[in-house]
Amino acid sequence: MRIFQRWSYWVSLVCLSFLMLSSPAFADTTDYTTKVNHRPDGIGKIYMGREIAQVMGHQGAAWLERSARGLEERPQQAIDLLDLQPSDTVADIGAGTGYFAFRMAPQVKQVYAVDVQPEMLDIMAEIQSEKHIENVDRVLGANQNPNLTADTIDLALMVDAYHEFDYPKEMMQGLVTALKPGGRVALLEYKGENPLIPIKKLHKMTQRQVRHELEAVGLEFIENKQDLPQQHLLIFRKPV
């Protein structure tokens, strides 16, 4: 009897260990490393050779809404390059104040504006009320999941946000699940190849690094629309 109980104990322990390692909370342990002496604009967490940048908090919301942004980044040109369709359901991941979400809304069926900061969603709600926009839904995301329904998104846009994700692998896996087959991902990121762009190093990304990370979660690289002065516009697709 004791032998059977001991055997049952070890079988249960092995099964429990397997379940723990298979769960999202434990899935990232081998994907990330840390370093003590990290850059001031980083968090000391390394993913695929890249240090993750600090998140720009809701205290910086005014910078997202600055009047000079239109000239510096040409956001309307970026939106035009996305080839949006009236039937599209779009997700703006790391939406911040809704700067891009509200500009895309008139061109598409539905926009989900996702952010992990409740304060940003509050700011977004005020702006949305002023603009009387009805087809933007605000979504509180989690660090490891955008909290979007599977197979519902035609296009997911991330504007200068991906480099700040605490768990980029898990977040992108959740986003891939939310995409429809053939759905697209568009990343706007300051060009890491250009040292003259006056943005902190960890808040820029190279095309090579972006492809390295997004292709690792099963996305197919389509193109880099290099029409913008300071940013890459990298387009990926979920396989059909």
Protein backbone atom coordinates (compact mmCIF):
# COMPACT_ATOMS: atom_id res chain seq x y z
CA MET A 1 0.00 0.00 0.00
CA ARG A 2 2.81 2.39 0.91
CA ILE A 3 4.57 1.62 -2.36
CA PHE A 4 1.39 2.46 -4.29
CA GLN A 5 0.91 5.70 -2.35
CA ARG A 6 4.51 6.71 -2.97
CA TRP A 7 4.17 5.92 -6.69
CA SER A 8 0.93 7.94 -6.89
CA TYR A 9 2.63 10.87 -5.16
CA TRP A 10 5.45 11.01 -7.69
CA VAL A 11 3.08 10.66 -10.66
CA SER A 12 0.97 13.53 -9.31
CA LEU A 13 4.06 15.68 -8.78
CA VAL A 14 5.27 15.10 -12.34
CA CYS A 15 1.81 15.93 -13.76
CA LEU A 16 1.58 19.09 -11.67
CA SER A 17 5.02 20.22 -12.83
CA PHE A 18 4.04 19.66 -16.46
CA LEU A 19 0.85 21.68 -16.07
CA MET A 20 2.69 24.53 -14.38
CA LEU A 21 5.34 24.73 -17.07
CA SER A 22 2.67 24.63 -19.78
CA SER A 23 0.64 27.51 -18.35
CA PRO A 24 1.12 31.12 -19.56
CA ALA A 25 2.45 32.22 -16.19
CA PHE A 26 5.42 29.89 -16.53
CA ALA A 27 5.81 29.74 -20.30
CA ASP A 28 8.24 32.67 -20.56
CA THR A 29 10.94 31.58 -18.13
CA THR A 30 13.36 30.40 -20.82
CA ASP A 31 12.61 33.22 -23.26
CA TYR A 32 13.88 36.11 -21.15
CA THR A 33 17.06 36.97 -19.30
CA THR A 34 17.86 39.88 -17.03
CA LYS A 35 20.87 42.08 -16.41
CA VAL A 36 21.58 44.27 -13.41
CA ASN A 37 23.49 47.03 -15.19
CA HIS A 38 20.90 48.03 -17.75
CA ARG A 39 20.33 51.17 -19.79
CA PRO A 40 18.45 54.06 -18.13
CA ASP A 41 15.64 53.77 -20.69
CA GLY A 42 15.38 49.98 -20.31
CA ILE A 43 14.02 47.54 -17.73
CA GLY A 44 16.95 45.13 -17.72
CA LYS A 45 14.92 42.37 -19.36
CA ILE A 46 16.34 40.84 -22.54
CA TYR A 47 14.30 39.15 -25.27
CA MET A 48 15.98 37.69 -28.35
CA GLY A 49 19.03 39.90 -27.82
CA ARG A 50 17.04 43.12 -27.29
CA GLU A 51 16.58 45.00 -24.03
CA ILE A 52 12.93 45.90 -23.47
CA ALA A 53 12.31 49.63 -23.12
CA GLN A 54 10.55 51.37 -20.27
CA VAL A 55 6.87 52.08 -20.83
CA MET A 56 5.90 55.66 -21.46
CA GLY A 57 3.33 56.28 -18.72
CA HIS A 58 0.05 58.12 -18.98
CA GLN A 59 1.90 61.19 -17.66
CA GLY A 60 3.30 61.53 -21.20
CA ALA A 61 -0.11 61.64 -22.87
CA ALA A 62 0.35 65.27 -23.94
CA TRP A 63 3.38 64.26 -26.02
CA LEU A 64 1.22 61.82 -27.97
CA GLU A 65 -1.23 64.61 -28.76
CA ARG A 66 1.39 67.27 -29.58
CA SER A 67 0.57 69.48 -32.55
CA ALA A 68 3.96 68.89 -34.19
CA ARG A 69 3.32 65.15 -34.50
CA GLY A 70 1.57 65.54 -37.82
CA LEU A 71 4.66 67.06 -39.42
CA GLU A 72 7.21 64.89 -37.63
CA GLU A 73 5.63 61.49 -38.21
CA ARG A 74 3.03 62.03 -40.97
CA PRO A 75 0.40 59.84 -39.24
CA GLN A 76 -2.23 60.34 -41.94
CA GLN A 77 0.22 59.14 -44.56
CA ALA A 78 0.92 56.08 -42.41
CA ILE A 79 -2.80 55.34 -42.18
CA ASP A 80 -3.19 55.73 -45.94
CA LEU A 81 -0.42 53.16 -46.42
CA LEU A 82 -2.38 50.58 -44.40
CA ASP A 83 -4.91 50.03 -47.22
CA LEU A 84 -7.84 49.97 -44.81
CA GLN A 85 -11.18 48.62 -46.00
CA PRO A 86 -14.69 49.70 -44.87
CA SER A 87 -15.39 46.15 -43.67
CA ASP A 88 -12.21 45.91 -41.55
CA THR A 89 -12.09 45.29 -37.83
CA VAL A 90 -8.88 46.89 -36.58
CA ALA A 91 -7.02 46.65 -33.28
CA ASP A 92 -4.77 49.49 -32.13
CA ILE A 93 -2.42 47.82 -29.64
CA GLY A 94 -0.85 50.21 -27.15
CA ALA A 95 -3.36 52.80 -28.30
CA GLY A 96 -2.41 55.42 -25.71
CA THR A 97 -4.70 58.42 -26.12
CA GLY A 98 -6.36 56.91 -29.20
CA TYR A 99 -4.43 59.16 -31.58
CA PHE A 100 -4.39 56.56 -34.36
CA ALA A 101 -7.56 54.72 -33.35
CA PHE A 102 -9.72 57.81 -33.81
CA ARG A 103 -8.09 58.64 -37.14
CA MET A 104 -8.71 55.13 -38.48
CA ALA A 105 -12.29 54.92 -37.21
CA PRO A 106 -13.99 56.77 -40.12
CA GLN A 107 -12.42 54.35 -42.62
CA VAL A 108 -13.30 51.00 -41.01
CA LYS A 109 -16.16 49.06 -39.45
CA GLN A 110 -14.75 48.74 -35.92
CA VAL A 111 -11.65 49.69 -33.93
CA TYR A 112 -10.54 48.08 -30.68
CA ALA A 113 -8.22 50.47 -28.84
CA VAL A 114 -6.15 48.34 -26.46
CA ASP A 115 -3.95 49.67 -23.67
CA VAL A 116 -2.65 48.20 -20.40
CA GLN A 117 -2.92 51.51 -18.53
CA PRO A 118 -6.41 52.29 -17.19
CA GLU A 119 -5.41 55.96 -17.01
CA MET A 120 -4.80 56.00 -20.77
CA LEU A 121 -8.24 54.52 -21.35
CA ASP A 122 -9.75 57.27 -19.20
CA ILE A 123 -8.00 59.94 -21.26
CA MET A 124 -9.12 58.18 -24.42
CA ALA A 125 -12.72 58.15 -23.20
CA GLU A 126 -12.69 61.93 -22.75
CA ILE A 127 -11.30 62.51 -26.24
CA GLN A 128 -13.76 60.04 -27.73
CA SER A 129 -16.67 61.84 -26.09
CA GLU A 130 -15.48 65.16 -27.51
CA LYS A 131 -15.11 63.68 -31.00
CA HIS A 132 -18.44 61.78 -30.89
CA ILE A 133 -16.87 58.62 -32.31
CA GLU A 134 -18.99 55.51 -31.79
CA ASN A 135 -17.10 52.67 -33.48
CA VAL A 136 -14.08 52.63 -31.15
CA ASP A 137 -14.21 50.19 -28.23
CA ARG A 138 -11.68 50.71 -25.46
CA VAL A 139 -10.09 47.48 -24.18
CA LEU A 140 -7.95 47.03 -21.07
CA GLY A 141 -5.20 44.67 -22.13
CA ALA A 142 -2.94 42.55 -19.93
CA ASN A 143 0.85 42.33 -20.03
CA GLN A 144 0.67 38.93 -21.71
CA ASN A 145 -2.57 39.18 -23.68
CA PRO A 146 -4.40 41.88 -25.64
CA ASN A 147 -7.74 40.44 -24.45
CA LEU A 148 -9.26 40.21 -27.90
CA THR A 149 -11.57 37.48 -29.20
CA ALA A 150 -9.98 34.84 -31.43
CA ASP A 151 -10.22 35.19 -35.21
CA THR A 152 -11.86 38.63 -35.19
CA ILE A 153 -9.16 41.11 -36.29
CA ASP A 154 -8.31 42.04 -39.88
CA LEU A 155 -5.44 44.37 -38.98
CA ALA A 156 -3.51 44.96 -35.77
CA LEU A 157 -1.54 48.21 -35.61
CA MET A 158 1.21 48.95 -33.10
CA VAL A 159 2.60 52.48 -33.12
CA ASP A 160 5.89 52.87 -31.22
CA ALA A 161 4.57 50.39 -28.66
CA TYR A 162 5.94 46.92 -29.36
CA HIS A 163 9.42 47.70 -28.01
CA GLU A 164 7.83 48.41 -24.58
CA PHE A 165 5.93 45.11 -24.19
CA ASP A 166 6.98 43.36 -20.96
CA TYR A 167 6.17 39.99 -22.54
CA PRO A 168 6.50 40.46 -26.31
CA LYS A 169 6.35 36.74 -27.13
CA GLU A 170 3.18 36.08 -25.15
CA MET A 171 1.55 39.32 -26.27
CA MET A 172 2.20 38.52 -29.92
CA GLN A 173 0.96 34.95 -29.51
CA GLY A 174 -2.29 36.36 -28.12
CA LEU A 175 -2.47 38.81 -30.99
CA VAL A 176 -1.88 36.11 -33.60
CA THR A 177 -4.77 34.17 -32.06
CA ALA A 178 -6.99 37.26 -32.36
CA LEU A 179 -6.16 37.74 -36.04
CA LYS A 180 -8.31 36.22 -38.73
CA PRO A 181 -6.46 33.84 -41.08
CA GLY A 182 -4.67 36.15 -43.49
CA GLY A 183 -5.02 39.04 -41.05
CA ARG A 184 -2.22 41.60 -40.99
CA VAL A 185 0.05 43.14 -38.37
CA ALA A 186 1.51 46.61 -38.97
CA LEU A 187 4.37 47.92 -36.83
CA LEU A 188 5.34 51.57 -36.81
CA GLU A 189 8.72 51.84 -35.10
CA TYR A 190 11.40 54.52 -35.19
CA LYS A 191 14.28 53.37 -37.38
CA GLY A 192 16.96 51.80 -35.20
CA GLU A 193 19.39 51.84 -38.12
CA ASN A 194 19.48 55.65 -38.08
CA PRO A 195 21.41 57.16 -35.14
CA LEU A 196 20.41 60.68 -36.21
CA ILE A 197 16.74 60.18 -35.30
CA PRO A 198 16.46 61.94 -31.90
CA ILE A 199 14.79 59.07 -30.03
CA LYS A 200 16.31 57.00 -27.21
CA LYS A 201 18.03 53.87 -28.52
CA LEU A 202 15.73 51.32 -26.87
CA HIS A 203 12.69 53.13 -28.25
CA LYS A 204 13.84 52.42 -31.81
CA MET A 205 14.00 49.08 -33.64
CA THR A 206 15.76 47.78 -36.72
CA GLN A 207 13.89 45.94 -39.43
CA ARG A 208 16.10 42.91 -38.82
CA GLN A 209 15.21 42.72 -35.12
CA VAL A 210 11.48 43.15 -35.75
CA ARG A 211 11.48 40.37 -38.33
CA HIS A 212 13.49 38.15 -36.00
CA GLU A 213 10.90 38.49 -33.25
CA LEU A 214 7.65 38.46 -35.21
CA GLU A 215 8.57 35.64 -37.53
CA ALA A 216 9.35 33.60 -34.39
CA VAL A 217 5.63 33.65 -33.47
CA GLY A 218 4.57 32.45 -36.92
CA LEU A 219 3.91 35.69 -38.80
CA GLU A 220 4.99 36.11 -42.41
CA PHE A 221 6.87 39.25 -43.41
CA ILE A 222 5.23 41.06 -46.33
CA GLU A 223 7.00 44.38 -46.78
CA ASN A 224 8.52 47.50 -45.25
CA LYS A 225 6.74 50.58 -46.56
CA GLN A 226 9.62 53.02 -46.35
CA ASP A 227 7.66 56.16 -47.17
CA LEU A 228 7.83 57.78 -43.73
CA PRO A 229 10.65 60.10 -42.62
CA GLN A 230 11.52 58.55 -39.25
CA GLN A 231 9.68 55.25 -38.89
CA HIS A 232 9.55 51.81 -40.41
CA LEU A 233 6.08 50.61 -41.41
CA LEU A 234 6.55 46.86 -41.32
CA ILE A 235 3.70 44.65 -42.55
CA PHE A 236 3.27 41.01 -41.52
CA ARG A 237 0.52 38.47 -42.14
CA LYS A 238 -0.97 35.51 -40.30
CA PRO A 239 -0.83 32.44 -42.56
CA VAL A 240 -4.14 31.34 -44.06
